[in-house]
N, C-alpha and C. Protein backbone atom coordinates (compact mmCIF):
# COMPACT_ATOMS: atom_id res chain seq x y z
N UNK A 1 108.25 -63.48 191.64
CA UNK A 1 107.32 -64.20 192.47
C UNK A 1 106.36 -64.99 191.58
N UNK A 2 106.07 -66.20 191.96
CA UNK A 2 105.19 -67.06 191.17
C UNK A 2 103.75 -66.56 191.25
N UNK A 3 103.04 -66.72 190.15
CA UNK A 3 101.65 -66.31 190.08
C UNK A 3 100.77 -67.49 190.46
N UNK A 4 99.85 -67.27 191.36
CA UNK A 4 98.92 -68.33 191.74
C UNK A 4 97.88 -68.48 190.64
N UNK A 5 97.66 -69.70 190.20
CA UNK A 5 96.70 -69.92 189.13
C UNK A 5 95.67 -70.96 189.54
N UNK A 6 94.53 -70.89 188.90
CA UNK A 6 93.45 -71.85 189.10
C UNK A 6 93.10 -72.41 187.74
N UNK A 7 93.15 -73.70 187.60
CA UNK A 7 92.79 -74.32 186.33
C UNK A 7 91.27 -74.36 186.22
N UNK A 8 90.76 -73.94 185.07
CA UNK A 8 89.32 -73.93 184.82
C UNK A 8 89.05 -74.45 183.42
N UNK A 9 87.86 -74.90 183.20
CA UNK A 9 87.46 -75.36 181.88
C UNK A 9 86.30 -74.51 181.40
N UNK A 10 86.42 -74.00 180.18
CA UNK A 10 85.37 -73.19 179.56
C UNK A 10 85.12 -73.71 178.15
N UNK A 11 83.92 -73.56 177.70
CA UNK A 11 83.60 -73.94 176.32
C UNK A 11 83.54 -72.67 175.49
N UNK A 12 84.34 -72.63 174.44
CA UNK A 12 84.38 -71.48 173.56
C UNK A 12 84.04 -71.94 172.15
N UNK A 13 83.38 -71.07 171.40
CA UNK A 13 83.10 -71.41 170.01
C UNK A 13 84.38 -71.31 169.20
N UNK A 14 84.37 -71.90 168.02
CA UNK A 14 85.57 -71.99 167.19
C UNK A 14 86.12 -70.60 166.86
N UNK A 15 85.25 -69.68 166.51
CA UNK A 15 85.70 -68.33 166.14
C UNK A 15 86.42 -67.65 167.31
N UNK A 16 85.88 -67.80 168.53
CA UNK A 16 86.52 -67.19 169.70
C UNK A 16 87.88 -67.81 169.96
N UNK A 17 88.01 -69.12 169.78
CA UNK A 17 89.30 -69.78 169.96
C UNK A 17 90.31 -69.26 168.95
N UNK A 18 89.87 -69.08 167.71
CA UNK A 18 90.78 -68.54 166.69
C UNK A 18 91.22 -67.12 167.04
N UNK A 19 90.29 -66.32 167.54
CA UNK A 19 90.63 -64.95 167.93
C UNK A 19 91.61 -64.96 169.11
N UNK A 20 91.37 -65.84 170.07
CA UNK A 20 92.27 -65.96 171.22
C UNK A 20 93.66 -66.38 170.78
N UNK A 21 93.73 -67.35 169.88
CA UNK A 21 95.03 -67.80 169.37
C UNK A 21 95.74 -66.68 168.63
N UNK A 22 95.00 -65.91 167.85
CA UNK A 22 95.60 -64.80 167.11
C UNK A 22 96.15 -63.74 168.07
N UNK A 23 95.38 -63.43 169.14
CA UNK A 23 95.87 -62.47 170.12
C UNK A 23 97.13 -62.98 170.80
N UNK A 24 97.13 -64.25 171.16
CA UNK A 24 98.31 -64.83 171.82
C UNK A 24 99.54 -64.74 170.92
N UNK A 25 99.37 -65.04 169.63
CA UNK A 25 100.50 -64.93 168.68
C UNK A 25 100.94 -63.47 168.56
N UNK A 26 99.98 -62.57 168.43
CA UNK A 26 100.29 -61.15 168.27
C UNK A 26 101.05 -60.61 169.48
N UNK A 27 100.62 -60.99 170.68
CA UNK A 27 101.25 -60.51 171.90
C UNK A 27 102.44 -61.38 172.33
N UNK A 28 102.66 -62.49 171.60
CA UNK A 28 103.75 -63.42 171.92
C UNK A 28 103.66 -63.92 173.36
N UNK A 29 102.45 -64.37 173.71
CA UNK A 29 102.19 -64.92 175.04
C UNK A 29 101.34 -66.17 174.89
N UNK A 30 101.14 -66.87 175.98
CA UNK A 30 100.28 -68.06 175.95
C UNK A 30 98.82 -67.63 175.79
N UNK A 31 97.99 -68.60 175.41
CA UNK A 31 96.55 -68.32 175.31
C UNK A 31 95.98 -67.93 176.67
N UNK A 32 96.49 -68.55 177.73
CA UNK A 32 96.01 -68.21 179.08
C UNK A 32 96.33 -66.75 179.41
N UNK A 33 97.56 -66.32 179.07
CA UNK A 33 97.93 -64.93 179.34
C UNK A 33 97.12 -63.96 178.47
N UNK A 34 96.89 -64.33 177.22
CA UNK A 34 96.08 -63.48 176.35
C UNK A 34 94.67 -63.34 176.91
N UNK A 35 94.12 -64.44 177.41
CA UNK A 35 92.78 -64.40 178.00
C UNK A 35 92.77 -63.54 179.26
N UNK A 36 93.80 -63.67 180.11
CA UNK A 36 93.89 -62.82 181.31
C UNK A 36 93.93 -61.34 180.94
N UNK A 37 94.76 -61.01 179.94
CA UNK A 37 94.87 -59.61 179.51
C UNK A 37 93.56 -59.08 178.95
N UNK A 38 92.89 -59.90 178.14
CA UNK A 38 91.62 -59.47 177.54
C UNK A 38 90.56 -59.25 178.61
N UNK A 39 90.49 -60.15 179.58
CA UNK A 39 89.52 -60.00 180.66
C UNK A 39 89.84 -58.77 181.50
N UNK A 40 91.12 -58.57 181.80
CA UNK A 40 91.53 -57.39 182.56
C UNK A 40 91.19 -56.09 181.84
N UNK A 41 91.45 -56.06 180.54
CA UNK A 41 91.14 -54.85 179.76
C UNK A 41 89.64 -54.59 179.72
N UNK A 42 88.84 -55.66 179.56
CA UNK A 42 87.39 -55.50 179.53
C UNK A 42 86.87 -55.00 180.87
N UNK A 43 87.41 -55.53 181.96
CA UNK A 43 86.97 -55.11 183.29
C UNK A 43 87.30 -53.65 183.54
N UNK A 44 88.49 -53.22 183.14
CA UNK A 44 88.88 -51.82 183.31
C UNK A 44 88.01 -50.91 182.46
N UNK A 45 87.74 -51.34 181.24
CA UNK A 45 86.92 -50.54 180.33
C UNK A 45 85.52 -50.35 180.87
N UNK A 46 84.92 -51.42 181.39
CA UNK A 46 83.58 -51.34 181.94
C UNK A 46 83.55 -50.40 183.14
N UNK A 47 84.51 -50.52 184.03
CA UNK A 47 84.56 -49.67 185.20
C UNK A 47 84.73 -48.21 184.84
N UNK A 48 85.55 -47.95 183.82
CA UNK A 48 85.78 -46.58 183.39
C UNK A 48 84.52 -45.99 182.79
N UNK A 49 83.81 -46.74 181.96
CA UNK A 49 82.63 -46.19 181.32
C UNK A 49 81.53 -45.92 182.34
N UNK A 50 81.47 -46.75 183.38
CA UNK A 50 80.48 -46.53 184.44
C UNK A 50 80.79 -45.24 185.18
N UNK A 51 82.07 -45.04 185.50
CA UNK A 51 82.48 -43.81 186.18
C UNK A 51 82.23 -42.60 185.29
N UNK A 52 82.52 -42.74 184.00
CA UNK A 52 82.30 -41.63 183.07
C UNK A 52 80.82 -41.29 182.97
N UNK A 53 79.96 -42.29 182.99
CA UNK A 53 78.52 -42.06 182.91
C UNK A 53 78.03 -41.31 184.14
N UNK A 54 78.49 -41.71 185.31
CA UNK A 54 78.10 -41.04 186.55
C UNK A 54 78.61 -39.61 186.56
N UNK A 55 79.85 -39.43 186.11
CA UNK A 55 80.42 -38.08 186.05
C UNK A 55 79.62 -37.20 185.08
N UNK A 56 79.23 -37.75 183.94
CA UNK A 56 78.44 -36.99 182.97
C UNK A 56 77.09 -36.60 183.56
N UNK A 57 76.46 -37.52 184.28
CA UNK A 57 75.18 -37.21 184.92
C UNK A 57 75.35 -36.11 185.95
N UNK A 58 76.39 -36.21 186.76
CA UNK A 58 76.66 -35.17 187.76
C UNK A 58 76.86 -33.81 187.11
N UNK A 59 77.63 -33.77 186.02
CA UNK A 59 77.88 -32.51 185.32
C UNK A 59 76.59 -31.95 184.73
N UNK A 60 75.75 -32.82 184.17
CA UNK A 60 74.48 -32.37 183.61
C UNK A 60 73.59 -31.78 184.69
N UNK A 61 73.49 -32.48 185.81
CA UNK A 61 72.66 -31.99 186.91
C UNK A 61 73.18 -30.65 187.43
N UNK A 62 74.49 -30.51 187.52
CA UNK A 62 75.07 -29.24 187.98
C UNK A 62 74.79 -28.12 186.98
N UNK A 63 74.91 -28.44 185.68
CA UNK A 63 74.69 -27.40 184.67
C UNK A 63 73.23 -26.94 184.64
N UNK A 64 72.32 -27.84 185.02
CA UNK A 64 70.89 -27.49 185.07
C UNK A 64 70.48 -26.94 186.43
N UNK A 65 71.45 -26.87 187.33
CA UNK A 65 71.19 -26.47 188.71
C UNK A 65 70.08 -27.36 189.30
N UNK A 66 70.19 -28.65 189.01
CA UNK A 66 69.19 -29.61 189.43
C UNK A 66 69.47 -30.08 190.86
N UNK A 67 68.48 -29.88 191.72
CA UNK A 67 68.57 -30.40 193.07
C UNK A 67 67.31 -31.23 193.34
N UNK A 68 67.16 -31.76 194.52
CA UNK A 68 66.02 -32.64 194.79
C UNK A 68 64.69 -31.93 194.59
N UNK A 69 64.60 -30.71 195.05
CA UNK A 69 63.35 -29.97 194.94
C UNK A 69 62.99 -29.70 193.48
N UNK A 70 63.96 -29.20 192.70
CA UNK A 70 63.66 -28.91 191.30
C UNK A 70 63.43 -30.19 190.50
N UNK A 71 64.10 -31.28 190.89
CA UNK A 71 63.86 -32.56 190.22
C UNK A 71 62.45 -33.05 190.48
N UNK A 72 61.96 -32.90 191.71
CA UNK A 72 60.58 -33.30 192.03
C UNK A 72 59.58 -32.45 191.26
N UNK A 73 59.84 -31.17 191.17
CA UNK A 73 58.95 -30.28 190.41
C UNK A 73 58.90 -30.71 188.95
N UNK A 74 60.06 -30.99 188.37
CA UNK A 74 60.13 -31.42 186.98
C UNK A 74 59.38 -32.73 186.80
N UNK A 75 59.56 -33.67 187.73
CA UNK A 75 58.89 -34.96 187.66
C UNK A 75 57.36 -34.78 187.71
N UNK A 76 56.89 -33.94 188.60
CA UNK A 76 55.45 -33.67 188.72
C UNK A 76 54.90 -33.06 187.44
N UNK A 77 55.64 -32.13 186.87
CA UNK A 77 55.22 -31.47 185.63
C UNK A 77 55.16 -32.46 184.48
N UNK A 78 56.18 -33.29 184.34
CA UNK A 78 56.22 -34.26 183.25
C UNK A 78 55.10 -35.27 183.38
N UNK A 79 54.84 -35.75 184.60
CA UNK A 79 53.74 -36.70 184.81
C UNK A 79 52.40 -36.09 184.43
N UNK A 80 52.20 -34.83 184.81
CA UNK A 80 50.95 -34.15 184.47
C UNK A 80 50.80 -34.02 182.96
N UNK A 81 51.90 -33.67 182.28
CA UNK A 81 51.85 -33.55 180.83
C UNK A 81 51.54 -34.89 180.16
N UNK A 82 52.14 -35.96 180.67
CA UNK A 82 51.89 -37.29 180.10
C UNK A 82 50.45 -37.72 180.31
N UNK A 83 49.93 -37.46 181.51
CA UNK A 83 48.53 -37.82 181.77
C UNK A 83 47.60 -37.03 180.85
N UNK A 84 47.90 -35.76 180.68
CA UNK A 84 47.05 -34.92 179.83
C UNK A 84 47.09 -35.40 178.38
N UNK A 85 48.26 -35.79 177.91
CA UNK A 85 48.36 -36.23 176.52
C UNK A 85 47.72 -37.60 176.31
N UNK A 86 47.63 -38.39 177.39
CA UNK A 86 47.01 -39.70 177.30
C UNK A 86 45.52 -39.62 177.57
N UNK A 87 45.02 -38.45 177.95
CA UNK A 87 43.59 -38.28 178.21
C UNK A 87 43.18 -38.83 179.56
N UNK A 88 44.14 -39.07 180.43
CA UNK A 88 43.81 -39.58 181.77
C UNK A 88 43.87 -38.46 182.78
N UNK A 89 43.20 -38.66 183.88
CA UNK A 89 43.26 -37.69 184.98
C UNK A 89 43.91 -38.36 186.17
N UNK A 90 44.43 -37.55 187.05
CA UNK A 90 45.10 -38.04 188.25
C UNK A 90 44.08 -38.64 189.19
N UNK A 91 44.40 -39.83 189.74
CA UNK A 91 43.48 -40.49 190.69
C UNK A 91 43.69 -40.01 192.08
């Protein structure tokens, strides 16, 4: 099946063009295909790291038995400590 394409114009610096050409030669594909693959890989990588970060936060919260109530208590305690160290009082 034919791939639908959209022609676009982008300005790239010389170094990026050389890197794109090198990838295309290495992968034995056109520069357009190399660019598609690179963009696809970057998009997948970003999505994965975001999911990993959320998963890590969830695991941390579970390991600390952190819930809304305990998080609020911790927040109140930290704010009080910061105010005390700054020499300010609560308004």
